[in-house]
C-alpha atoms as a PDB file:
ATOM      1  CA  MET A   1      82.475  -7.300  86.609  1.00  0.00           C
ATOM      2  CA  GLN A   2      78.802  -6.381  86.244  1.00  0.00           C
ATOM      3  CA  ILE A   3      75.973  -8.846  86.859  1.00  0.00           C
ATOM      4  CA  THR A   4      72.309  -8.082  86.222  1.00  0.00           C
ATOM      5  CA  THR A   5      69.148  -9.841  87.345  1.00  0.00           C
ATOM      6  CA  TRP A   6      65.898  -9.289  85.455  1.00  0.00           C
ATOM      7  CA  ASN A   7      62.544 -11.056  85.562  1.00  0.00           C
ATOM      8  CA  VAL A   8      61.505 -10.492  81.946  1.00  0.00           C
ATOM      9  CA  ASN A   9      58.048 -12.116  82.174  1.00  0.00           C
ATOM     10  CA  SER A  10      58.488 -13.998  78.854  1.00  0.00           C
ATOM     11  CA  VAL A  11      61.782 -13.703  77.013  1.00  0.00           C
ATOM     12  CA  ARG A  12      60.129 -14.035  73.610  1.00  0.00           C
ATOM     13  CA  THR A  13      57.594 -11.290  74.326  1.00  0.00           C
ATOM     14  CA  ARG A  14      60.326  -9.005  75.648  1.00  0.00           C
ATOM     15  CA  LEU A  15      63.148 -10.137  73.330  1.00  0.00           C
ATOM     16  CA  GLU A  16      63.668  -6.811  71.573  1.00  0.00           C
ATOM     17  CA  GLN A  17      63.667  -4.966  74.884  1.00  0.00           C
ATOM     18  CA  VAL A  18      66.242  -7.343  76.370  1.00  0.00           C
ATOM     19  CA  THR A  19      68.587  -7.325  73.382  1.00  0.00           C
ATOM     20  CA  ASN A  20      68.339  -3.538  73.041  1.00  0.00           C
ATOM     21  CA  TRP A  21      69.167  -3.226  76.735  1.00  0.00           C
ATOM     22  CA  LEU A  22      72.264  -5.379  76.282  1.00  0.00           C
ATOM     23  CA  LYS A  23      73.352  -3.288  73.297  1.00  0.00           C
ATOM     24  CA  THR A  24      73.191  -0.135  75.419  1.00  0.00           C
ATOM     25  CA  HIS A  25      74.877  -1.831  78.406  1.00  0.00           C
ATOM     26  CA  PRO A  26      77.952  -3.522  76.899  1.00  0.00           C
ATOM     27  CA  GLU A  27      79.656  -3.376  80.285  1.00  0.00           C
ATOM     28  CA  VAL A  28      77.332  -6.090  81.639  1.00  0.00           C
ATOM     29  CA  ASP A  29      79.193  -9.397  81.836  1.00  0.00           C
ATOM     30  CA  LEU A  30      76.304 -11.611  82.868  1.00  0.00           C
ATOM     31  CA  LEU A  31      72.535 -11.208  82.584  1.00  0.00           C
ATOM     32  CA  CYS A  32      70.422 -13.524  84.734  1.00  0.00           C
ATOM     33  CA  LEU A  33      66.850 -13.878  83.502  1.00  0.00           C
ATOM     34  CA  GLN A  34      63.774 -15.250  85.242  1.00  0.00           C
ATOM     35  CA  GLU A  35      60.305 -16.201  84.008  1.00  0.00           C
ATOM     36  CA  THR A  36      61.555 -16.943  80.520  1.00  0.00           C
ATOM     37  CA  LYS A  37      58.387 -19.008  79.940  1.00  0.00           C
ATOM     38  CA  VAL A  38      59.721 -21.107  77.066  1.00  0.00           C
ATOM     39  CA  ILE A  39      61.027 -24.637  76.582  1.00  0.00           C
ATOM     40  CA  ASP A  40      64.740 -24.900  75.853  1.00  0.00           C
ATOM     41  CA  ALA A  41      64.247 -25.835  72.210  1.00  0.00           C
ATOM     42  CA  ASP A  42      62.305 -22.635  71.557  1.00  0.00           C
ATOM     43  CA  PHE A  43      64.521 -20.243  73.503  1.00  0.00           C
ATOM     44  CA  PRO A  44      65.681 -17.433  71.144  1.00  0.00           C
ATOM     45  CA  GLN A  45      69.385 -18.223  71.493  1.00  0.00           C
ATOM     46  CA  ALA A  46      70.369 -16.808  68.117  1.00  0.00           C
ATOM     47  CA  ALA A  47      69.383 -13.281  69.150  1.00  0.00           C
ATOM     48  CA  PHE A  48      71.988 -13.443  71.926  1.00  0.00           C
ATOM     49  CA  THR A  49      74.727 -15.359  70.144  1.00  0.00           C
ATOM     50  CA  GLU A  50      74.600 -12.799  67.329  1.00  0.00           C
ATOM     51  CA  LEU A  51      75.506 -10.188  69.953  1.00  0.00           C
ATOM     52  CA  GLY A  52      78.436 -12.293  71.150  1.00  0.00           C
ATOM     53  CA  TYR A  53      76.870 -13.888  74.224  1.00  0.00           C
ATOM     54  CA  HIS A  54      76.848 -17.459  75.502  1.00  0.00           C
ATOM     55  CA  THR A  55      73.450 -18.745  76.628  1.00  0.00           C
ATOM     56  CA  TYR A  56      72.614 -21.226  79.367  1.00  0.00           C
ATOM     57  CA  ILE A  57      68.933 -22.072  79.669  1.00  0.00           C
ATOM     58  CA  TYR A  58      66.614 -24.084  81.892  1.00  0.00           C
ATOM     59  CA  GLY A  59      63.054 -23.522  80.807  1.00  0.00           C
ATOM     60  CA  GLN A  60      59.560 -24.893  80.624  1.00  0.00           C
ATOM     61  CA  LYS A  61      56.432 -24.116  78.644  1.00  0.00           C
ATOM     62  CA  SER A  62      54.417 -21.026  79.643  1.00  0.00           C
ATOM     63  CA  TYR A  63      55.716 -20.828  83.223  1.00  0.00           C
ATOM     64  CA  ASN A  64      58.887 -20.253  85.223  1.00  0.00           C
ATOM     65  CA  GLY A  65      62.222 -20.759  83.446  1.00  0.00           C
ATOM     66  CA  VAL A  66      65.641 -19.210  84.093  1.00  0.00           C
ATOM     67  CA  ALA A  67      68.587 -18.374  81.862  1.00  0.00           C
ATOM     68  CA  MET A  68      72.104 -16.939  82.047  1.00  0.00           C
ATOM     69  CA  ILE A  69      73.397 -14.766  79.193  1.00  0.00           C
ATOM     70  CA  SER A  70      77.162 -14.359  79.522  1.00  0.00           C
ATOM     71  CA  ARG A  71      79.936 -12.494  77.703  1.00  0.00           C
ATOM     72  CA  GLN A  72      82.344 -15.328  78.435  1.00  0.00           C
ATOM     73  CA  PRO A  73      81.727 -19.051  78.813  1.00  0.00           C
ATOM     74  CA  LEU A  74      80.564 -20.171  82.241  1.00  0.00           C
ATOM     75  CA  SER A  75      81.983 -23.218  83.961  1.00  0.00           C
ATOM     76  CA  ASP A  76      80.321 -25.846  86.152  1.00  0.00           C
ATOM     77  CA  VAL A  77      76.812 -25.001  84.956  1.00  0.00           C
ATOM     78  CA  GLN A  78      74.122 -26.950  86.811  1.00  0.00           C
ATOM     79  CA  MET A  79      70.338 -26.879  86.743  1.00  0.00           C
ATOM     80  CA  GLY A  80      67.979 -27.374  89.663  1.00  0.00           C
ATOM     81  CA  PHE A  81      68.496 -28.514  93.242  1.00  0.00           C
ATOM     82  CA  THR A  82      69.034 -32.197  92.482  1.00  0.00           C
ATOM     83  CA  ALA A  83      72.461 -31.680  90.889  1.00  0.00           C
ATOM     84  CA  VAL A  84      73.791 -30.646  94.309  1.00  0.00           C
ATOM     85  CA  LEU A  85      71.449 -32.267  96.833  1.00  0.00           C
ATOM     86  CA  GLU A  86      71.598 -35.637  95.039  1.00  0.00           C
ATOM     87  CA  ARG A  87      68.301 -36.973  96.366  1.00  0.00           C
ATOM     88  CA  ASP A  88      64.722 -37.282  95.235  1.00  0.00           C
ATOM     89  CA  LEU A  89      63.063 -33.922  95.877  1.00  0.00           C
ATOM     90  CA  GLY A  90      59.633 -34.808  94.575  1.00  0.00           C
ATOM     91  CA  ASP A  91      57.761 -31.725  93.388  1.00  0.00           C
ATOM     92  CA  LEU A  92      60.459 -29.311  94.569  1.00  0.00           C
ATOM     93  CA  ASP A  93      62.569 -29.752  91.434  1.00  0.00           C
ATOM     94  CA  GLU A  94      59.846 -30.289  88.855  1.00  0.00           C
ATOM     95  CA  GLN A  95      59.509 -26.568  88.165  1.00  0.00           C
ATOM     96  CA  ARG A  96      62.482 -25.026  86.412  1.00  0.00           C
ATOM     97  CA  ARG A  97      63.494 -22.241  88.759  1.00  0.00           C
ATOM     98  CA  LEU A  98      67.241 -22.403  89.429  1.00  0.00           C
ATOM     99  CA  ILE A  99      70.454 -22.410  87.406  1.00  0.00           C
ATOM    100  CA  THR A 100      74.045 -21.850  88.494  1.00  0.00           C
ATOM    101  CA  GLY A 101      77.448 -21.345  86.909  1.00  0.00           C
ATOM    102  CA  VAL A 102      80.891 -19.899  87.635  1.00  0.00           C
ATOM    103  CA  ILE A 103      82.376 -16.743  86.101  1.00  0.00           C
ATOM    104  CA  ASP A 104      85.789 -15.374  87.126  1.00  0.00           C
ATOM    105  CA  GLN A 105      85.897 -17.692  90.156  1.00  0.00           C
ATOM    106  CA  VAL A 106      82.509 -16.389  91.354  1.00  0.00           C
ATOM    107  CA  ARG A 107      79.628 -18.829  91.736  1.00  0.00           C
ATOM    108  CA  ILE A 108      76.365 -17.266  90.490  1.00  0.00           C
ATOM    109  CA  VAL A 109      73.036 -18.819  91.493  1.00  0.00           C
ATOM    110  CA  ASN A 110      70.133 -17.419  89.479  1.00  0.00           C
ATOM    111  CA  MET A 111      66.662 -18.225  90.771  1.00  0.00           C
ATOM    112  CA  TYR A 112      62.969 -17.578  90.481  1.00  0.00           C
ATOM    113  CA  VAL A 113      61.422 -18.187  93.905  1.00  0.00           C
ATOM    114  CA  PRO A 114      57.760 -19.306  93.863  1.00  0.00           C
ATOM    115  CA  ASN A 115      55.240 -16.507  94.334  1.00  0.00           C
ATOM    116  CA  GLY A 116      53.030 -18.326  96.825  1.00  0.00           C
ATOM    117  CA  SER A 117      49.731 -17.090  95.371  1.00  0.00           C
ATOM    118  CA  SER A 118      47.788 -16.626  98.634  1.00  0.00           C
ATOM    119  CA  LEU A 119      48.162 -17.551 102.282  1.00  0.00           C
ATOM    120  CA  ASP A 120      45.537 -20.300 102.087  1.00  0.00           C
ATOM    121  CA  SER A 121      47.001 -21.827  98.919  1.00  0.00           C
ATOM    122  CA  ASP A 122      49.017 -25.003  98.501  1.00  0.00           C
ATOM    123  CA  LYS A 123      51.414 -22.784  96.547  1.00  0.00           C
ATOM    124  CA  TYR A 124      52.202 -20.850  99.729  1.00  0.00           C
ATOM    125  CA  ASP A 125      53.291 -24.025 101.516  1.00  0.00           C
ATOM    126  CA  TYR A 126      55.272 -24.999  98.414  1.00  0.00           C
ATOM    127  CA  LYS A 127      57.085 -21.655  98.529  1.00  0.00           C
ATOM    128  CA  LEU A 128      58.142 -22.185 102.147  1.00  0.00           C
ATOM    129  CA  ARG A 129      59.344 -25.717 101.379  1.00  0.00           C
ATOM    130  CA  TRP A 130      61.198 -24.430  98.320  1.00  0.00           C
ATOM    131  CA  LEU A 131      63.027 -21.803 100.383  1.00  0.00           C
ATOM    132  CA  GLU A 132      64.034 -24.409 102.959  1.00  0.00           C
ATOM    133  CA  THR A 133      65.381 -26.596 100.144  1.00  0.00           C
ATOM    134  CA  LEU A 134      67.277 -23.580  98.829  1.00  0.00           C
ATOM    135  CA  ARG A 135      68.876 -23.171 102.267  1.00  0.00           C
ATOM    136  CA  GLN A 136      70.026 -26.802 102.231  1.00  0.00           C
ATOM    137  CA  TYR A 137      71.324 -26.436  98.674  1.00  0.00           C
ATOM    138  CA  LEU A 138      73.334 -23.288  99.442  1.00  0.00           C
ATOM    139  CA  LYS A 139      74.767 -24.750 102.627  1.00  0.00           C
ATOM    140  CA  ILE A 140      76.313 -27.555 100.596  1.00  0.00           C
ATOM    141  CA  LEU A 141      77.768 -25.073  98.088  1.00  0.00           C
ATOM    142  CA  LEU A 142      79.233 -23.030 100.923  1.00  0.00           C
ATOM    143  CA  ASP A 143      80.665 -26.092 102.672  1.00  0.00           C
ATOM    144  CA  GLN A 144      82.403 -27.161  99.449  1.00  0.00           C
ATOM    145  CA  ASP A 145      84.634 -24.074  99.416  1.00  0.00           C
ATOM    146  CA  ASP A 146      88.002 -24.231 101.143  1.00  0.00           C
ATOM    147  CA  GLU A 147      88.642 -20.516 100.646  1.00  0.00           C
ATOM    148  CA  PRO A 148      86.235 -17.708 101.708  1.00  0.00           C
ATOM    149  CA  SER A 149      83.190 -18.305  99.528  1.00  0.00           C
ATOM    150  CA  GLN A 150      82.636 -16.114  96.493  1.00  0.00           C
ATOM    151  CA  ILE A 151      78.934 -16.781  95.891  1.00  0.00           C
ATOM    152  CA  LEU A 152      76.274 -14.432  94.553  1.00  0.00           C
ATOM    153  CA  ILE A 153      72.613 -15.428  94.616  1.00  0.00           C
ATOM    154  CA  CYS A 154      70.258 -13.316  92.562  1.00  0.00           C
ATOM    155  CA  GLY A 155      66.834 -13.264  91.008  1.00  0.00           C
ATOM    156  CA  ASP A 156      63.196 -12.665  91.757  1.00  0.00           C
ATOM    157  CA  PHE A 157      62.813 -13.775  95.376  1.00  0.00           C
ATOM    158  CA  ASN A 158      59.118 -12.865  95.654  1.00  0.00           C
ATOM    159  CA  VAL A 159      59.738 -11.696  99.226  1.00  0.00           C
ATOM    160  CA  ALA A 160      60.164  -8.139 100.471  1.00  0.00           C
ATOM    161  CA  VAL A 161      62.905  -8.479 103.067  1.00  0.00           C
ATOM    162  CA  GLU A 162      61.948  -5.383 105.071  1.00  0.00           C
ATOM    163  CA  ASP A 163      59.028  -2.983 105.354  1.00  0.00           C
ATOM    164  CA  ILE A 164      61.139  -0.316 103.646  1.00  0.00           C
ATOM    165  CA  ASP A 165      61.011  -2.499 100.536  1.00  0.00           C
ATOM    166  CA  ILE A 166      57.220  -2.021 100.186  1.00  0.00           C
ATOM    167  CA  HIS A 167      55.562   1.260  99.204  1.00  0.00           C
ATOM    168  CA  ASN A 168      52.809   0.691 101.780  1.00  0.00           C
ATOM    169  CA  PRO A 169      53.663  -1.925 104.421  1.00  0.00           C
ATOM    170  CA  ALA A 170      50.367  -1.547 106.311  1.00  0.00           C
ATOM    171  CA  LYS A 171      48.969  -4.997 107.125  1.00  0.00           C
ATOM    172  CA  ARG A 172      51.890  -6.507 105.243  1.00  0.00           C
ATOM    173  CA  GLU A 173      51.761  -9.595 107.480  1.00  0.00           C
ATOM    174  CA  THR A 174      48.517 -10.578 105.723  1.00  0.00           C
ATOM    175  CA  LYS A 175      49.953 -10.164 102.218  1.00  0.00           C
ATOM    176  CA  VAL A 176      51.792 -12.832 100.287  1.00  0.00           C
ATOM    177  CA  MET A 177      55.450 -11.844  99.673  1.00  0.00           C
ATOM    178  CA  ALA A 178      55.632 -10.095 103.048  1.00  0.00           C
ATOM    179  CA  THR A 179      54.344 -12.516 105.696  1.00  0.00           C
ATOM    180  CA  ASP A 180      56.436 -13.361 108.715  1.00  0.00           C
ATOM    181  CA  ALA A 181      56.792 -16.989 107.606  1.00  0.00           C
ATOM    182  CA  GLU A 182      58.155 -15.993 104.183  1.00  0.00           C
ATOM    183  CA  ARG A 183      60.570 -13.491 105.666  1.00  0.00           C
ATOM    184  CA  GLU A 184      61.780 -16.002 108.227  1.00  0.00           C
ATOM    185  CA  ALA A 185      62.307 -18.636 105.532  1.00  0.00           C
ATOM    186  CA  LEU A 186      64.343 -16.243 103.415  1.00  0.00           C
ATOM    187  CA  GLN A 187      66.240 -14.956 106.435  1.00  0.00           C
ATOM    188  CA  ALA A 188      67.273 -18.524 107.248  1.00  0.00           C
ATOM    189  CA  VAL A 189      68.861 -18.597 103.790  1.00  0.00           C
ATOM    190  CA  LEU A 190      70.615 -15.269 104.311  1.00  0.00           C
ATOM    191  CA  ASP A 191      71.846 -16.332 107.744  1.00  0.00           C
ATOM    192  CA  LEU A 192      74.163 -18.763 105.971  1.00  0.00           C
ATOM    193  CA  GLY A 193      76.278 -15.686 105.262  1.00  0.00           C
ATOM    194  CA  PHE A 194      74.614 -13.555 102.548  1.00  0.00           C
ATOM    195  CA  LYS A 195      74.157  -9.778 102.548  1.00  0.00           C
ATOM    196  CA  ASP A 196      71.791  -7.514 100.600  1.00  0.00           C
ATOM    197  CA  VAL A 197      74.264  -5.540  98.493  1.00  0.00           C
ATOM    198  CA  PHE A 198      71.769  -2.867  97.417  1.00  0.00           C
ATOM    199  CA  ARG A 199      71.587  -1.682 101.040  1.00  0.00           C
ATOM    200  CA  LYS A 200      75.355  -1.264 101.112  1.00  0.00           C
ATOM    201  CA  PHE A 201      74.892   1.770  98.866  1.00  0.00           C
ATOM    202  CA  THR A 202      71.273   2.906  99.359  1.00  0.00           C
ATOM    203  CA  GLN A 203      69.569   3.048 102.745  1.00  0.00           C
ATOM    204  CA  SER A 204      66.514   5.106 101.797  1.00  0.00           C
ATOM    205  CA  GLY A 205      63.077   3.840 100.841  1.00  0.00           C
ATOM    206  CA  GLY A 206      61.203   4.419  97.604  1.00  0.00           C
ATOM    207  CA  HIS A 207      63.398   2.095  95.527  1.00  0.00           C
ATOM    208  CA  TYR A 208      61.533  -0.809  93.954  1.00  0.00           C
ATOM    209  CA  SER A 209      62.068  -3.463  91.283  1.00  0.00           C
ATOM    210  CA  TRP A 210      58.473  -4.629  90.692  1.00  0.00           C
ATOM    211  CA  TRP A 211      55.249  -2.713  90.156  1.00  0.00           C
ATOM    212  CA  ASP A 212      51.861  -4.377  89.723  1.00  0.00           C
ATOM    213  CA  TYR A 213      50.404  -3.976  86.231  1.00  0.00           C
ATOM    214  CA  ARG A 214      46.868  -3.930  87.592  1.00  0.00           C
ATOM    215  CA  THR A 215      47.141  -0.868  89.804  1.00  0.00           C
ATOM    216  CA  GLY A 216      49.192   1.514  87.670  1.00  0.00           C
ATOM    217  CA  GLY A 217      51.776   1.230  90.381  1.00  0.00           C
ATOM    218  CA  PHE A 218      54.752   2.265  88.299  1.00  0.00           C
ATOM    219  CA  GLN A 219      53.325   5.675  87.423  1.00  0.00           C
ATOM    220  CA  ARG A 220      52.874   6.362  91.135  1.00  0.00           C
ATOM    221  CA  ASN A 221      56.007   4.453  92.213  1.00  0.00           C
ATOM    222  CA  GLN A 222      53.904   2.130  94.327  1.00  0.00           C
ATOM    223  CA  GLY A 223      56.123  -0.900  94.065  1.00  0.00           C
ATOM    224  CA  TRP A 224      57.987  -3.601  95.930  1.00  0.00           C
ATOM    225  CA  ARG A 225      61.692  -4.455  95.997  1.00  0.00           C
ATOM    226  CA  ILE A 226      61.703  -8.212  95.518  1.00  0.00           C
ATOM    227  CA  ASP A 227      64.597  -8.642  93.042  1.00  0.00           C
ATOM    228  CA  TYR A 228      67.915  -8.945  94.833  1.00  0.00           C
ATOM    229  CA  HIS A 229      71.614  -9.659  94.720  1.00  0.00           C
ATOM    230  CA  PHE A 230      72.719 -11.339  97.954  1.00  0.00           C
ATOM    231  CA  LEU A 231      76.486 -11.794  98.328  1.00  0.00           C
ATOM    232  CA  THR A 232      78.742 -13.726 100.642  1.00  0.00           C
ATOM    233  CA  GLU A 233      80.859 -11.452 102.828  1.00  0.00           C
ATOM    234  CA  ALA A 234      84.065 -11.831 100.831  1.00  0.00           C
ATOM    235  CA  LEU A 235      82.211 -10.863  97.660  1.00  0.00           C
ATOM    236  CA  TYR A 236      80.131  -8.169  99.377  1.00  0.00           C
ATOM    237  CA  ASP A 237      83.361  -6.404 100.335  1.00  0.00           C
ATOM    238  CA  ARG A 238      84.325  -6.281  96.642  1.00  0.00           C
ATOM    239  CA  ALA A 239      81.019  -4.725  95.520  1.00  0.00           C
ATOM    240  CA  ILE A 240      81.392  -1.111  94.363  1.00  0.00           C
ATOM    241  CA  ALA A 241      77.840  -0.361  93.160  1.00  0.00           C
ATOM    242  CA  CYS A 242      74.311  -1.743  93.003  1.00  0.00           C
ATOM    243  CA  THR A 243      71.563   0.052  91.094  1.00  0.00           C
ATOM    244  CA  ILE A 244      68.008  -0.432  89.872  1.00  0.00           C
ATOM    245  CA  ASP A 245      67.466   0.590  86.247  1.00  0.00           C
ATOM    246  CA  ILE A 246      63.846   1.726  85.925  1.00  0.00           C
ATOM    247  CA  GLU A 247      64.113   2.745  82.249  1.00  0.00           C
ATOM    248  CA  PRO A 248      62.904  -0.595  80.799  1.00  0.00           C
ATOM    249  CA  ARG A 249      59.757  -0.334  82.935  1.00  0.00           C
ATOM    250  CA  LYS A 250      58.847   2.856  81.016  1.00  0.00           C
ATOM    251  CA  LEU A 251      58.670   1.042  77.673  1.00  0.00           C
ATOM    252  CA  PRO A 252      55.443  -0.056  75.985  1.00  0.00           C
ATOM    253  CA  GLN A 253      54.351  -3.501  77.196  1.00  0.00           C
ATOM    254  CA  PRO A 254      57.256  -3.928  79.624  1.00  0.00           C
ATOM    255  CA  SER A 255      57.900  -6.649  82.126  1.00  0.00           C
ATOM    256  CA  ASP A 256      56.465  -5.785  85.531  1.00  0.00           C
ATOM    257  CA  HIS A 257      60.036  -6.113  86.858  1.00  0.00           C
ATOM    258  CA  THR A 258      63.117  -4.083  85.943  1.00  0.00           C
ATOM    259  CA  PRO A 259      66.872  -4.862  85.940  1.00  0.00           C
ATOM    260  CA  VAL A 260      69.016  -4.717  89.076  1.00  0.00           C
ATOM    261  CA  ILE A 261      72.755  -4.404  88.454  1.00  0.00           C
ATOM    262  CA  VAL A 262      75.669  -5.099  90.790  1.00  0.00           C
ATOM    263  CA  GLU A 263      79.280  -4.184  90.043  1.00  0.00           C
ATOM    264  CA  ILE A 264      82.137  -6.083  91.653  1.00  0.00           C
ATOM    265  CA  SER A 265      85.775  -5.026  91.551  1.00  0.00           C
END
């Protein structure tokens, strides 16, 4: 089974690139998209159903939005934190950033973590609160399983887990997406029992999934690795590959992110 995560930075703008990528990667069973930036009624479902895919969408106008494009129907599809936490979360579930479903007995949680904007921004505090809510949400999912949990969480996490995930980590503690508080918040999530599957197969630096448009970072490979697949231990042991496909980033007017693919036996 192959699962891909890709922040497409507007599914309508990048629709041809995404559908062409699926045509050339028929082995992909599930494509998890972030930043779809479109309300559900305007999501281009027909382009995917014509290729034989099932679509599950949770979007909003101009911002955020997540979707799951699957070869086979998903079960137990849920949107947002509230479906699991079952309490009023105020502003933490107003933005459409999380969708989950089950494929082949594996629970997939696809998410777009808030960026945080800047350290002195209300959005930074929101990001930390969002990650803590994610930890609570995942703990409930893990506690629901009687057998060893088969859960994969993926998406744009907007946090570089380690210095090796940044092309230049100098003064990283002053930069949003790499501060100690963000890393600690994400690590609290991972401490529930999730592992970074890319590092199972690749220990070297220089591998990134996002490059800033404004700096010509892609041409110089000055990027960040902020798009991840984190797997529970039972699922991590089944993983046989995890790769970053940089080819879509070479296209005209690409997303600033590129696909990350995990293969599970």
